[in-house]
Each structure stands twice: as structure tokens, then as C-alpha cells.
Amino acid sequence: MAEMRELVLGGEGLIGSTLVRELTNRGHHVTSLDLQNGCDLRYVDDQPFHDCDRVWFLAWDTGGAKYLEAADQQHQQYRNNSELCLRVFDALYQTKKPFLFTTSQLAGLPNAYGTTKLMAWHWTANLGGKVARLWNVYGWEQPTIKSHVVTDLVLSGLKGQVRCMTQGTEQRRFLYKTDCVDALIRLFDSEQDSAEIAAGEWVSIRQVAEEVARQLNVETHFGSIKGSEFLIDPVEPLSGWVPRVPLNAGIASVIEDARRYLGR
């Protein structure tokens, strides 16, 4: 494919930073706009949209279950994501640029994340954009209230014991970040308008915790809380794509990145 001017909204996040790196490696000119590099997309002007060939809409107020389900975070998530949608979708409407939006397996759940993701999914379809629906993408993240479970389990394991707040019976379809980015690029370059992107099987958080503990040669501890899960299977696959990174290899990569972050 010829060199393209790519605009990645949320280009410093887990998926976005991986996408920026891959697009750059493929010879494209990439602009990343993200809160982490000083751009609040709720107030961005239209110029970056005029200056690109296509747009990747990954930016969102999101995080792991401990953040998405926190009662004291719901109002701010509603506000942040609604304001983000209003500005970005208006810019996309005005400039008519082709774009891809990433929604979620959790779209439609009765919380701030699920409600706003569903709204944006329908808004994307109305404007003629592409939609990628993602399941449980993971990789190393800087630890914050928004970091996801694999990062949290690895960090606890590096302290001497893998600690899980829940019983660990809840299930996920964990997809490593490079597999996700490969699928997103394939979708945008394809004739498909939408696709559901997930790993091939459900695994429990307990299985993940035990694999982290095995690789670190430490013990596990599980809490008494029953974790949440939303067991909906993907039904609209991306043609010609299958994930390549097995869970044990992805966890090993997170451990390696965590050790580098901690200076070990």
C-alpha cells in the first residue's frame, strides 16, 4: 500500500501506541493525538482531520473492571466520552474522512462505558465509518487505576505473590495487543465494514493468574468477591484473520515489559 497520512486518536494508549508503531514501520506518516501527549480531543479543532488520509478513533475514557465499574467514576465517564464523541464525530462529519472506530464486547451494558460505546457504535454507522468490536485486549500498561487485570496480576507476582481481588472464575477472551493491531489494519484495508475481533477461546482469570504464577515461580492468592463477566461470543469474524500470540507468550511479554519498567 502507498504511504498514507494516518491520524490516530488515542495513539499513546495500549492499542494506540502499538498501532502507531506498526503503521510507522510500514512506512506511513502517523500523527498521534492523545491526552498523554497534550491533546484533549474534546477540544481539538478540525485541522488534523483535514491533514490526514484516514482516522483511527481509539481514544476513550476506559480501563479495567476496577475502573469501569466504580460507582464514583460513572458521571465523569459519561461526561468525558459524550464530549469526546461530540467533538470527534463532528470533525469527521465536517471533513468526510474515512475512519474506523473501536467499540467493545461490553457495548450496551448499563453503565457509562457500555452506554457511550453503544452510542458511538451507532454514530459511526450513521457516518459511514468502519467498526471493530474488541474483546479483552491486553499487554503491558503503566500501572494506574485504569490498568487492566493482566498488568495488575504480573505486578503483584513480581512482588512475591500473584494476588487476585476476585475468586477468579470470571472468563475473558484475552487478545494480545499486536494481534489486535494486525486485525485493525486488516479490517481498515478490507472491504468489510465491521468485524468482531477476539481470541479463540474463553479463559478464566484464575487460569491467567496461575500462568503468571507459574512463569514467576510464585504462589497465587484469590479473593472472595465474584467477578463480573459478559459471556457474549463474536459472530462476525474478520475474514482471513486469526490471532497468532498464545496466552502464555503474551503473558511472558507483559512480564518482560514489567521488569523493564521496574528496572529489574
C-alpha atoms as a PDB file:
ATOM      1  CA  MET A   1       0.000   0.000   0.000  1.00  0.00           C
ATOM      2  CA  ALA A   2       1.210   3.540  -0.769  1.00  0.00           C
ATOM      3  CA  GLU A   3       2.276   5.771   2.096  1.00  0.00           C
ATOM      4  CA  MET A   4      -0.682   7.279   3.916  1.00  0.00           C
ATOM      5  CA  ARG A   5      -1.157  10.105   6.393  1.00  0.00           C
ATOM      6  CA  GLU A   6      -2.642   8.363   9.418  1.00  0.00           C
ATOM      7  CA  LEU A   7      -4.373  10.171  12.292  1.00  0.00           C
ATOM      8  CA  VAL A   8      -4.564   8.034  15.426  1.00  0.00           C
ATOM      9  CA  LEU A   9      -6.839   9.368  18.164  1.00  0.00           C
ATOM     10  CA  GLY A  10      -5.660   7.814  21.410  1.00  0.00           C
ATOM     11  CA  GLY A  11      -2.270   6.953  19.977  1.00  0.00           C
ATOM     12  CA  GLU A  12      -0.476   6.751  23.323  1.00  0.00           C
ATOM     13  CA  GLY A  13      -2.700   4.052  24.857  1.00  0.00           C
ATOM     14  CA  LEU A  14      -2.314   0.287  24.937  1.00  0.00           C
ATOM     15  CA  ILE A  15      -3.685  -0.352  21.455  1.00  0.00           C
ATOM     16  CA  GLY A  16      -2.920   3.077  20.026  1.00  0.00           C
ATOM     17  CA  SER A  17       0.806   3.054  20.754  1.00  0.00           C
ATOM     18  CA  THR A  18       1.106  -0.412  19.214  1.00  0.00           C
ATOM     19  CA  LEU A  19      -0.825   0.761  16.154  1.00  0.00           C
ATOM     20  CA  VAL A  20       1.328   3.887  15.775  1.00  0.00           C
ATOM     21  CA  ARG A  21       4.479   1.779  15.878  1.00  0.00           C
ATOM     22  CA  GLU A  22       3.172  -0.715  13.304  1.00  0.00           C
ATOM     23  CA  LEU A  23       1.885   1.933  10.891  1.00  0.00           C
ATOM     24  CA  THR A  24       5.207   3.780  11.148  1.00  0.00           C
ATOM     25  CA  ASN A  25       7.102   0.545  10.473  1.00  0.00           C
ATOM     26  CA  ARG A  26       5.014   0.121   7.334  1.00  0.00           C
ATOM     27  CA  GLY A  27       6.197   3.493   6.056  1.00  0.00           C
ATOM     28  CA  HIS A  28       3.156   5.638   6.823  1.00  0.00           C
ATOM     29  CA  HIS A  29       3.230   9.146   8.272  1.00  0.00           C
ATOM     30  CA  VAL A  30       1.466   8.943  11.628  1.00  0.00           C
ATOM     31  CA  THR A  31       0.066  11.705  13.840  1.00  0.00           C
ATOM     32  CA  SER A  32      -0.929  10.661  17.357  1.00  0.00           C
ATOM     33  CA  LEU A  33      -3.337  12.812  19.366  1.00  0.00           C
ATOM     34  CA  ASP A  34      -3.839  11.822  22.984  1.00  0.00           C
ATOM     35  CA  LEU A  35      -4.216  13.337  26.434  1.00  0.00           C
ATOM     36  CA  GLN A  36      -0.844  11.809  27.246  1.00  0.00           C
ATOM     37  CA  ASN A  37       0.886  13.935  24.608  1.00  0.00           C
ATOM     38  CA  GLY A  38      -1.043  17.082  25.468  1.00  0.00           C
ATOM     39  CA  CYS A  39      -4.085  16.926  23.201  1.00  0.00           C
ATOM     40  CA  ASP A  40      -7.541  16.919  24.775  1.00  0.00           C
ATOM     41  CA  LEU A  41      -9.674  15.609  21.926  1.00  0.00           C
ATOM     42  CA  ARG A  42     -12.801  17.104  23.458  1.00  0.00           C
ATOM     43  CA  TYR A  43     -11.490  20.470  22.259  1.00  0.00           C
ATOM     44  CA  VAL A  44      -9.399  19.636  19.176  1.00  0.00           C
ATOM     45  CA  ASP A  45     -10.014  21.680  16.008  1.00  0.00           C
ATOM     46  CA  ASP A  46     -10.701  20.230  12.568  1.00  0.00           C
ATOM     47  CA  GLN A  47      -7.249  20.852  11.071  1.00  0.00           C
ATOM     48  CA  PRO A  48      -5.652  17.469  11.943  1.00  0.00           C
ATOM     49  CA  PHE A  49      -8.628  15.785  10.269  1.00  0.00           C
ATOM     50  CA  HIS A  50      -8.162  17.844   7.106  1.00  0.00           C
ATOM     51  CA  ASP A  51      -4.450  16.988   7.058  1.00  0.00           C
ATOM     52  CA  CYS A  52      -4.822  13.183   7.065  1.00  0.00           C
ATOM     53  CA  ASP A  53      -6.000  10.456   4.727  1.00  0.00           C
ATOM     54  CA  ARG A  54      -7.834   8.386   7.326  1.00  0.00           C
ATOM     55  CA  VAL A  55      -8.622   8.348  11.050  1.00  0.00           C
ATOM     56  CA  TRP A  56      -8.381   5.697  13.748  1.00  0.00           C
ATOM     57  CA  PHE A  57     -10.794   6.523  16.590  1.00  0.00           C
ATOM     58  CA  LEU A  58      -9.348   4.639  19.579  1.00  0.00           C
ATOM     59  CA  ALA A  59      -9.472   7.365  22.236  1.00  0.00           C
ATOM     60  CA  TRP A  60     -11.825   6.657  25.147  1.00  0.00           C
ATOM     61  CA  ASP A  61     -12.128   7.083  28.899  1.00  0.00           C
ATOM     62  CA  THR A  62     -11.598   3.429  29.743  1.00  0.00           C
ATOM     63  CA  GLY A  63      -9.721   0.989  31.932  1.00  0.00           C
ATOM     64  CA  GLY A  64     -10.045  -2.343  33.676  1.00  0.00           C
ATOM     65  CA  ALA A  65     -13.105  -3.554  35.545  1.00  0.00           C
ATOM     66  CA  LYS A  66     -11.981  -1.849  38.758  1.00  0.00           C
ATOM     67  CA  TYR A  67     -12.317   1.499  36.949  1.00  0.00           C
ATOM     68  CA  LEU A  68     -15.239   0.862  34.586  1.00  0.00           C
ATOM     69  CA  GLU A  69     -17.467  -0.480  37.350  1.00  0.00           C
ATOM     70  CA  ALA A  70     -16.547   2.079  40.036  1.00  0.00           C
ATOM     71  CA  ALA A  71     -19.721   3.885  41.126  1.00  0.00           C
ATOM     72  CA  ASP A  72     -17.867   7.146  41.818  1.00  0.00           C
ATOM     73  CA  GLN A  73     -16.438   7.236  38.264  1.00  0.00           C
ATOM     74  CA  GLN A  74     -19.660   6.876  36.279  1.00  0.00           C
ATOM     75  CA  HIS A  75     -20.647  10.533  35.906  1.00  0.00           C
ATOM     76  CA  GLN A  76     -17.188  11.569  34.745  1.00  0.00           C
ATOM     77  CA  GLN A  77     -17.006   8.699  32.255  1.00  0.00           C
ATOM     78  CA  TYR A  78     -20.405   9.655  30.831  1.00  0.00           C
ATOM     79  CA  ARG A  79     -19.290  13.264  30.512  1.00  0.00           C
ATOM     80  CA  ASN A  80     -15.814  12.605  29.102  1.00  0.00           C
ATOM     81  CA  ASN A  81     -16.938  10.108  26.477  1.00  0.00           C
ATOM     82  CA  SER A  82     -20.004  12.107  25.429  1.00  0.00           C
ATOM     83  CA  GLU A  83     -17.926  15.269  24.976  1.00  0.00           C
ATOM     84  CA  LEU A  84     -15.261  13.276  23.111  1.00  0.00           C
ATOM     85  CA  CYS A  85     -17.859  11.851  20.728  1.00  0.00           C
ATOM     86  CA  LEU A  86     -19.467  15.218  20.093  1.00  0.00           C
ATOM     87  CA  ARG A  87     -16.188  16.852  19.027  1.00  0.00           C
ATOM     88  CA  VAL A  88     -14.638  13.952  17.105  1.00  0.00           C
ATOM     89  CA  PHE A  89     -17.748  12.855  15.244  1.00  0.00           C
ATOM     90  CA  ASP A  90     -18.496  16.444  14.276  1.00  0.00           C
ATOM     91  CA  ALA A  91     -14.977  16.798  12.859  1.00  0.00           C
ATOM     92  CA  LEU A  92     -15.420  13.530  10.964  1.00  0.00           C
ATOM     93  CA  TYR A  93     -18.785  14.713   9.641  1.00  0.00           C
ATOM     94  CA  GLN A  94     -17.331  18.037   8.504  1.00  0.00           C
ATOM     95  CA  THR A  95     -14.210  16.603   6.838  1.00  0.00           C
ATOM     96  CA  LYS A  96     -15.717  13.370   5.438  1.00  0.00           C
ATOM     97  CA  LYS A  97     -12.555  11.405   6.192  1.00  0.00           C
ATOM     98  CA  PRO A  98     -12.721   7.593   6.231  1.00  0.00           C
ATOM     99  CA  PHE A  99     -12.428   6.325   9.780  1.00  0.00           C
ATOM    100  CA  LEU A 100     -12.504   3.252  11.980  1.00  0.00           C
ATOM    101  CA  PHE A 101     -13.993   3.217  15.468  1.00  0.00           C
ATOM    102  CA  THR A 102     -13.215   0.581  18.091  1.00  0.00           C
ATOM    103  CA  THR A 103     -16.186  -0.489  20.137  1.00  0.00           C
ATOM    104  CA  SER A 104     -16.271  -3.279  22.696  1.00  0.00           C
ATOM    105  CA  GLN A 105     -17.769  -6.583  23.705  1.00  0.00           C
ATOM    106  CA  LEU A 106     -19.210  -4.584  26.641  1.00  0.00           C
ATOM    107  CA  ALA A 107     -21.056  -2.080  24.432  1.00  0.00           C
ATOM    108  CA  GLY A 108     -24.630  -1.831  25.604  1.00  0.00           C
ATOM    109  CA  LEU A 109     -24.077  -2.698  29.252  1.00  0.00           C
ATOM    110  CA  PRO A 110     -25.998  -0.345  31.598  1.00  0.00           C
ATOM    111  CA  ASN A 111     -23.014   1.675  32.779  1.00  0.00           C
ATOM    112  CA  ALA A 112     -21.168   4.709  31.455  1.00  0.00           C
ATOM    113  CA  TYR A 113     -18.716   2.689  29.375  1.00  0.00           C
ATOM    114  CA  GLY A 114     -21.293   0.374  27.801  1.00  0.00           C
ATOM    115  CA  THR A 115     -23.848   3.099  27.107  1.00  0.00           C
ATOM    116  CA  THR A 116     -21.437   5.533  25.469  1.00  0.00           C
ATOM    117  CA  LYS A 117     -19.700   2.807  23.445  1.00  0.00           C
ATOM    118  CA  LEU A 118     -23.057   1.717  22.038  1.00  0.00           C
ATOM    119  CA  MET A 119     -23.978   5.300  21.178  1.00  0.00           C
ATOM    120  CA  ALA A 120     -20.665   5.809  19.368  1.00  0.00           C
ATOM    121  CA  TRP A 121     -21.048   2.492  17.519  1.00  0.00           C
ATOM    122  CA  HIS A 122     -24.371   3.653  16.060  1.00  0.00           C
ATOM    123  CA  TRP A 123     -22.981   7.128  15.365  1.00  0.00           C
ATOM    124  CA  THR A 124     -20.103   5.554  13.426  1.00  0.00           C
ATOM    125  CA  ALA A 125     -22.507   3.523  11.310  1.00  0.00           C
ATOM    126  CA  ASN A 126     -24.565   6.645  10.610  1.00  0.00           C
ATOM    127  CA  LEU A 127     -21.473   8.454   9.302  1.00  0.00           C
ATOM    128  CA  GLY A 128     -20.292   5.508   7.209  1.00  0.00           C
ATOM    129  CA  GLY A 129     -17.256   4.591   9.309  1.00  0.00           C
ATOM    130  CA  LYS A 130     -15.910   1.121   9.986  1.00  0.00           C
ATOM    131  CA  VAL A 131     -16.451  -0.598  13.320  1.00  0.00           C
ATOM    132  CA  ALA A 132     -14.139  -3.032  15.099  1.00  0.00           C
ATOM    133  CA  ARG A 133     -15.662  -4.714  18.160  1.00  0.00           C
ATOM    134  CA  LEU A 134     -12.916  -5.861  20.521  1.00  0.00           C
ATOM    135  CA  TRP A 135     -12.718  -8.449  23.279  1.00  0.00           C
ATOM    136  CA  ASN A 136     -10.226  -8.113  26.180  1.00  0.00           C
ATOM    137  CA  VAL A 137      -7.094  -6.719  24.552  1.00  0.00           C
ATOM    138  CA  TYR A 138      -4.086  -6.918  26.876  1.00  0.00           C
ATOM    139  CA  GLY A 139      -0.417  -6.009  27.092  1.00  0.00           C
ATOM    140  CA  TRP A 140       1.845  -4.124  29.442  1.00  0.00           C
ATOM    141  CA  GLU A 141       0.424  -0.823  30.728  1.00  0.00           C
ATOM    142  CA  GLN A 142       1.813   1.688  33.163  1.00  0.00           C
ATOM    143  CA  PRO A 143       0.031   0.820  36.430  1.00  0.00           C
ATOM    144  CA  THR A 144      -2.800   3.207  37.356  1.00  0.00           C
ATOM    145  CA  ILE A 145      -6.414   2.951  38.453  1.00  0.00           C
ATOM    146  CA  LYS A 146      -7.161   2.316  34.750  1.00  0.00           C
ATOM    147  CA  SER A 147      -4.709  -0.538  34.134  1.00  0.00           C
ATOM    148  CA  HIS A 148      -6.147  -3.935  33.255  1.00  0.00           C
ATOM    149  CA  VAL A 149      -6.029  -7.259  35.040  1.00  0.00           C
ATOM    150  CA  VAL A 150      -3.016  -8.886  33.353  1.00  0.00           C
ATOM    151  CA  THR A 151      -0.763  -5.959  34.232  1.00  0.00           C
ATOM    152  CA  ASP A 152      -2.089  -5.976  37.804  1.00  0.00           C
ATOM    153  CA  LEU A 153      -1.533  -9.727  38.212  1.00  0.00           C
ATOM    154  CA  VAL A 154       2.007  -9.522  36.850  1.00  0.00           C
ATOM    155  CA  LEU A 155       2.940  -6.624  39.117  1.00  0.00           C
ATOM    156  CA  SER A 156       1.642  -8.433  42.187  1.00  0.00           C
ATOM    157  CA  GLY A 157       3.541 -11.540  41.161  1.00  0.00           C
ATOM    158  CA  LEU A 158       6.771  -9.590  40.858  1.00  0.00           C
ATOM    159  CA  LYS A 159       6.242  -8.540  44.480  1.00  0.00           C
ATOM    160  CA  GLY A 160       6.204 -12.192  45.552  1.00  0.00           C
ATOM    161  CA  GLN A 161       2.621 -13.439  45.166  1.00  0.00           C
ATOM    162  CA  VAL A 162       0.041 -13.198  42.387  1.00  0.00           C
ATOM    163  CA  ARG A 163      -2.951 -11.571  44.058  1.00  0.00           C
ATOM    164  CA  CYS A 164      -6.430 -11.505  42.523  1.00  0.00           C
ATOM    165  CA  MET A 165      -9.208  -9.464  44.122  1.00  0.00           C
ATOM    166  CA  THR A 166     -11.904 -11.872  42.914  1.00  0.00           C
ATOM    167  CA  GLN A 167     -12.461 -15.630  43.057  1.00  0.00           C
ATOM    168  CA  GLY A 168     -11.042 -15.765  39.538  1.00  0.00           C
ATOM    169  CA  THR A 169     -13.906 -17.712  37.982  1.00  0.00           C
ATOM    170  CA  GLU A 170     -14.919 -14.910  35.603  1.00  0.00           C
ATOM    171  CA  GLN A 171     -13.937 -15.537  31.979  1.00  0.00           C
ATOM    172  CA  ARG A 172     -12.396 -13.416  29.244  1.00  0.00           C
ATOM    173  CA  ARG A 173     -11.196 -13.776  25.642  1.00  0.00           C
ATOM    174  CA  PHE A 174      -7.689 -12.344  26.006  1.00  0.00           C
ATOM    175  CA  LEU A 175      -6.138 -10.967  22.806  1.00  0.00           C
ATOM    176  CA  TYR A 176      -2.550  -9.707  22.761  1.00  0.00           C
ATOM    177  CA  LYS A 177      -2.103  -6.130  21.555  1.00  0.00           C
ATOM    178  CA  THR A 178      -0.080  -6.956  18.412  1.00  0.00           C
ATOM    179  CA  ASP A 179      -2.743  -9.394  17.237  1.00  0.00           C
ATOM    180  CA  CYS A 180      -5.365  -6.703  17.794  1.00  0.00           C
ATOM    181  CA  VAL A 181      -3.445  -4.146  15.731  1.00  0.00           C
ATOM    182  CA  ASP A 182      -2.875  -6.634  12.927  1.00  0.00           C
ATOM    183  CA  ALA A 183      -6.642  -7.209  12.803  1.00  0.00           C
ATOM    184  CA  LEU A 184      -7.478  -3.483  12.879  1.00  0.00           C
ATOM    185  CA  ILE A 185      -5.192  -2.747   9.924  1.00  0.00           C
ATOM    186  CA  ARG A 186      -6.557  -5.714   8.005  1.00  0.00           C
ATOM    187  CA  LEU A 187     -10.127  -4.519   8.616  1.00  0.00           C
ATOM    188  CA  PHE A 188      -9.466  -0.941   7.532  1.00  0.00           C
ATOM    189  CA  ASP A 189      -7.730  -2.156   4.371  1.00  0.00           C
ATOM    190  CA  SER A 190     -10.504  -4.654   3.566  1.00  0.00           C
ATOM    191  CA  GLU A 191     -13.959  -4.412   2.028  1.00  0.00           C
ATOM    192  CA  GLN A 192     -15.614  -5.331   5.352  1.00  0.00           C
ATOM    193  CA  ASP A 193     -17.481  -2.552   7.119  1.00  0.00           C
ATOM    194  CA  SER A 194     -17.272  -4.188  10.542  1.00  0.00           C
ATOM    195  CA  ALA A 195     -15.792  -7.167  12.351  1.00  0.00           C
ATOM    196  CA  GLU A 196     -15.616  -8.688  15.811  1.00  0.00           C
ATOM    197  CA  ILE A 197     -12.039  -9.265  16.940  1.00  0.00           C
ATOM    198  CA  ALA A 198     -11.317 -11.725  19.744  1.00  0.00           C
ATOM    199  CA  ALA A 199      -9.158 -14.634  20.806  1.00  0.00           C
ATOM    200  CA  GLY A 200     -10.438 -18.099  20.031  1.00  0.00           C
ATOM    201  CA  GLU A 201     -11.460 -19.274  23.474  1.00  0.00           C
ATOM    202  CA  TRP A 202     -12.658 -18.158  26.876  1.00  0.00           C
ATOM    203  CA  VAL A 203     -10.218 -18.460  29.779  1.00  0.00           C
ATOM    204  CA  SER A 204     -10.791 -17.703  33.431  1.00  0.00           C
ATOM    205  CA  ILE A 205      -8.941 -15.060  35.390  1.00  0.00           C
ATOM    206  CA  ARG A 206      -7.837 -17.925  37.636  1.00  0.00           C
ATOM    207  CA  GLN A 207      -6.118 -19.590  34.669  1.00  0.00           C
ATOM    208  CA  VAL A 208      -4.354 -16.332  33.825  1.00  0.00           C
ATOM    209  CA  ALA A 209      -3.248 -15.805  37.425  1.00  0.00           C
ATOM    210  CA  GLU A 210      -1.934 -19.355  37.639  1.00  0.00           C
ATOM    211  CA  GLU A 211       0.009 -18.944  34.390  1.00  0.00           C
ATOM    212  CA  VAL A 212       1.563 -15.712  35.676  1.00  0.00           C
ATOM    213  CA  ALA A 213       2.473 -17.502  38.928  1.00  0.00           C
ATOM    214  CA  ARG A 214       3.948 -20.436  37.026  1.00  0.00           C
ATOM    215  CA  GLN A 215       6.179 -18.180  34.938  1.00  0.00           C
ATOM    216  CA  LEU A 216       7.305 -16.219  38.001  1.00  0.00           C
ATOM    217  CA  ASN A 217       7.562 -19.292  40.248  1.00  0.00           C
ATOM    218  CA  VAL A 218       5.388 -17.756  42.970  1.00  0.00           C
ATOM    219  CA  GLU A 219       2.087 -18.647  44.648  1.00  0.00           C
ATOM    220  CA  THR A 220      -1.400 -17.289  43.995  1.00  0.00           C
ATOM    221  CA  HIS A 221      -3.999 -15.750  46.298  1.00  0.00           C
ATOM    222  CA  PHE A 222      -7.641 -15.258  45.338  1.00  0.00           C
ATOM    223  CA  GLY A 223     -10.256 -13.062  46.988  1.00  0.00           C
ATOM    224  CA  SER A 224     -13.842 -13.843  47.934  1.00  0.00           C
ATOM    225  CA  ILE A 225     -15.569 -11.454  45.517  1.00  0.00           C
ATOM    226  CA  LYS A 226     -17.333 -12.917  42.498  1.00  0.00           C
ATOM    227  CA  GLY A 227     -16.005 -11.118  39.445  1.00  0.00           C
ATOM    228  CA  SER A 228     -18.175  -9.799  36.636  1.00  0.00           C
ATOM    229  CA  GLU A 229     -18.327 -11.345  33.187  1.00  0.00           C
ATOM    230  CA  PHE A 230     -20.275 -10.827  29.983  1.00  0.00           C
ATOM    231  CA  LEU A 231     -20.210 -14.073  28.016  1.00  0.00           C
ATOM    232  CA  ILE A 232     -21.190 -12.994  24.541  1.00  0.00           C
ATOM    233  CA  ASP A 233     -19.443 -14.744  21.664  1.00  0.00           C
ATOM    234  CA  PRO A 234     -18.263 -12.971  18.496  1.00  0.00           C
ATOM    235  CA  VAL A 235     -20.390 -13.834  15.454  1.00  0.00           C
ATOM    236  CA  GLU A 236     -18.949 -11.528  12.763  1.00  0.00           C
ATOM    237  CA  PRO A 237     -15.326 -12.638  12.232  1.00  0.00           C
ATOM    238  CA  LEU A 238     -12.696 -10.733  10.292  1.00  0.00           C
ATOM    239  CA  SER A 239     -12.148 -12.605   7.035  1.00  0.00           C
ATOM    240  CA  GLY A 240      -8.746 -14.285   6.727  1.00  0.00           C
ATOM    241  CA  TRP A 241      -7.503 -13.319  10.199  1.00  0.00           C
ATOM    242  CA  VAL A 242      -6.561 -15.467  13.169  1.00  0.00           C
ATOM    243  CA  PRO A 243      -4.612 -14.435  16.302  1.00  0.00           C
ATOM    244  CA  ARG A 244      -1.000 -15.598  16.461  1.00  0.00           C
ATOM    245  CA  VAL A 245       0.172 -14.931  20.021  1.00  0.00           C
ATOM    246  CA  PRO A 246      -0.785 -17.668  22.533  1.00  0.00           C
ATOM    247  CA  LEU A 247      -1.703 -16.561  26.041  1.00  0.00           C
ATOM    248  CA  ASN A 248       1.468 -17.898  27.678  1.00  0.00           C
ATOM    249  CA  ALA A 249       3.642 -15.969  25.204  1.00  0.00           C
ATOM    250  CA  GLY A 250       1.636 -12.784  25.695  1.00  0.00           C
ATOM    251  CA  ILE A 251       1.954 -13.073  29.465  1.00  0.00           C
ATOM    252  CA  ALA A 252       5.699 -13.618  29.091  1.00  0.00           C
ATOM    253  CA  SER A 253       5.920 -10.379  27.112  1.00  0.00           C
ATOM    254  CA  VAL A 254       3.995  -8.481  29.795  1.00  0.00           C
ATOM    255  CA  ILE A 255       6.350  -9.864  32.453  1.00  0.00           C
ATOM    256  CA  GLU A 256       9.372  -8.787  30.415  1.00  0.00           C
ATOM    257  CA  ASP A 257       7.966  -5.280  29.942  1.00  0.00           C
ATOM    258  CA  ALA A 258       7.036  -5.031  33.634  1.00  0.00           C
ATOM    259  CA  ARG A 259      10.562  -5.961  34.668  1.00  0.00           C
ATOM    260  CA  ARG A 260      11.969  -3.345  32.333  1.00  0.00           C
ATOM    261  CA  TYR A 261       9.583  -0.756  33.814  1.00  0.00           C
ATOM    262  CA  LEU A 262      10.636  -1.694  37.348  1.00  0.00           C
ATOM    263  CA  GLY A 263      14.313  -1.704  36.414  1.00  0.00           C
ATOM    264  CA  ARG A 264      14.826  -5.405  37.169  1.00  0.00           C
END
